[in-house]
Amino acid sequence: MRVLIVERDSGNVALIKQMVARIAECTVIEYLDANAAGRDLHQLAFDLALISYQQDGRGLALTAQIRDTRKLAAVPIIVITQP
């Protein structure tokens, strides 16, 4: 399984990677910036996306961009946030 993580806080990315590492045969693709992930989207292949909501609206824009990309439209997306 390939998991895309888009989160601007590197500490949060490390924590999420620790949790994802518990899944057998899991590969993490990480971005600290939603704009960069969006630029690379056509080159990426992943089975699950974990995207931070708190990226000045860019996280939700990336979610829409994934949905508009034919090869990724059915990929599950989990929007993450912190209080």
Protein backbone atom coordinates (compact mmCIF):
# COMPACT_ATOMS: atom_id res chain seq x y z
CA MET A 1 0.00 0.00 0.00
CA ARG A 2 1.24 3.48 -0.86
CA VAL A 3 0.12 6.29 1.45
CA LEU A 4 0.38 9.96 0.53
CA ILE A 5 0.87 12.23 3.54
CA VAL A 6 0.54 15.98 3.02
CA GLU A 7 1.17 17.89 6.25
CA ARG A 8 3.19 21.06 6.75
CA ASP A 9 4.43 20.18 10.25
CA SER A 10 7.37 17.76 10.05
CA GLY A 11 6.72 16.58 13.62
CA ASN A 12 3.19 15.56 12.67
CA VAL A 13 4.53 13.82 9.57
CA ALA A 14 6.92 11.80 11.74
CA LEU A 15 4.08 10.79 14.06
CA ILE A 16 1.81 9.79 11.18
CA LYS A 17 4.65 7.83 9.57
CA GLN A 18 5.10 5.87 12.82
CA MET A 19 1.43 4.93 12.79
CA VAL A 20 1.43 4.03 9.09
CA ALA A 21 4.59 1.95 9.55
CA ARG A 22 2.49 -0.55 11.51
CA ILE A 23 0.77 -1.51 8.26
CA ALA A 24 2.62 -4.34 6.51
CA GLU A 25 4.21 -3.52 3.15
CA CYS A 26 3.34 0.16 3.35
CA THR A 27 5.25 2.88 1.53
CA VAL A 28 4.92 6.53 2.52
CA ILE A 29 5.05 9.42 0.07
CA GLU A 30 5.36 12.65 2.04
CA TYR A 31 4.99 16.31 1.21
CA LEU A 32 5.24 19.26 3.57
CA ASP A 33 3.48 21.50 1.06
CA ALA A 34 0.14 20.92 -0.66
CA ASN A 35 1.15 23.03 -3.66
CA ALA A 36 4.18 20.82 -4.29
CA ALA A 37 2.04 17.69 -4.00
CA GLY A 38 -0.42 19.21 -6.46
CA ARG A 39 2.34 19.98 -8.95
CA ASP A 40 3.58 16.37 -8.76
CA LEU A 41 0.15 14.77 -8.70
CA HIS A 42 0.25 13.51 -12.29
CA GLN A 43 3.44 11.55 -11.45
CA LEU A 44 2.19 10.05 -8.20
CA ALA A 45 0.49 6.72 -7.54
CA PHE A 46 -0.99 6.03 -4.11
CA ASP A 47 -3.74 3.99 -2.47
CA LEU A 48 -4.67 6.33 0.40
CA ALA A 49 -4.19 10.05 1.01
CA LEU A 50 -3.86 11.71 4.43
CA ILE A 51 -4.10 15.45 3.86
CA SER A 52 -3.88 18.22 6.43
CA TYR A 53 -6.84 20.58 6.49
CA GLN A 54 -4.79 23.41 8.02
CA GLN A 55 -2.76 24.53 5.04
CA ASP A 56 -4.45 27.87 4.31
CA GLY A 57 -7.09 26.13 2.20
CA ARG A 58 -4.52 24.36 0.07
CA GLY A 59 -5.30 20.98 1.64
CA LEU A 60 -8.90 21.14 0.48
CA ALA A 61 -7.80 22.39 -2.94
CA LEU A 62 -5.48 19.38 -3.22
CA THR A 63 -8.37 17.10 -2.26
CA ALA A 64 -10.42 18.56 -5.11
CA GLN A 65 -7.48 18.21 -7.48
CA ILE A 66 -7.14 14.51 -6.57
CA ARG A 67 -10.85 13.98 -7.21
CA ASP A 68 -10.50 15.68 -10.60
CA THR A 69 -7.60 13.41 -11.61
CA ARG A 70 -9.05 10.38 -13.38
CA LYS A 71 -6.47 7.83 -12.18
CA LEU A 72 -6.81 9.02 -8.54
CA ALA A 73 -10.51 9.89 -8.34
CA ALA A 74 -11.45 6.75 -6.40
CA VAL A 75 -8.55 6.89 -3.93
CA PRO A 76 -9.75 7.25 -0.33
CA ILE A 77 -8.84 10.59 1.25
CA ILE A 78 -8.70 11.26 4.97
CA VAL A 79 -8.54 14.91 5.92
CA ILE A 80 -6.57 15.38 9.12
CA THR A 81 -6.51 18.34 11.48
CA GLN A 82 -5.55 19.23 14.98
CA PRO A 83 -7.49 21.31 17.51
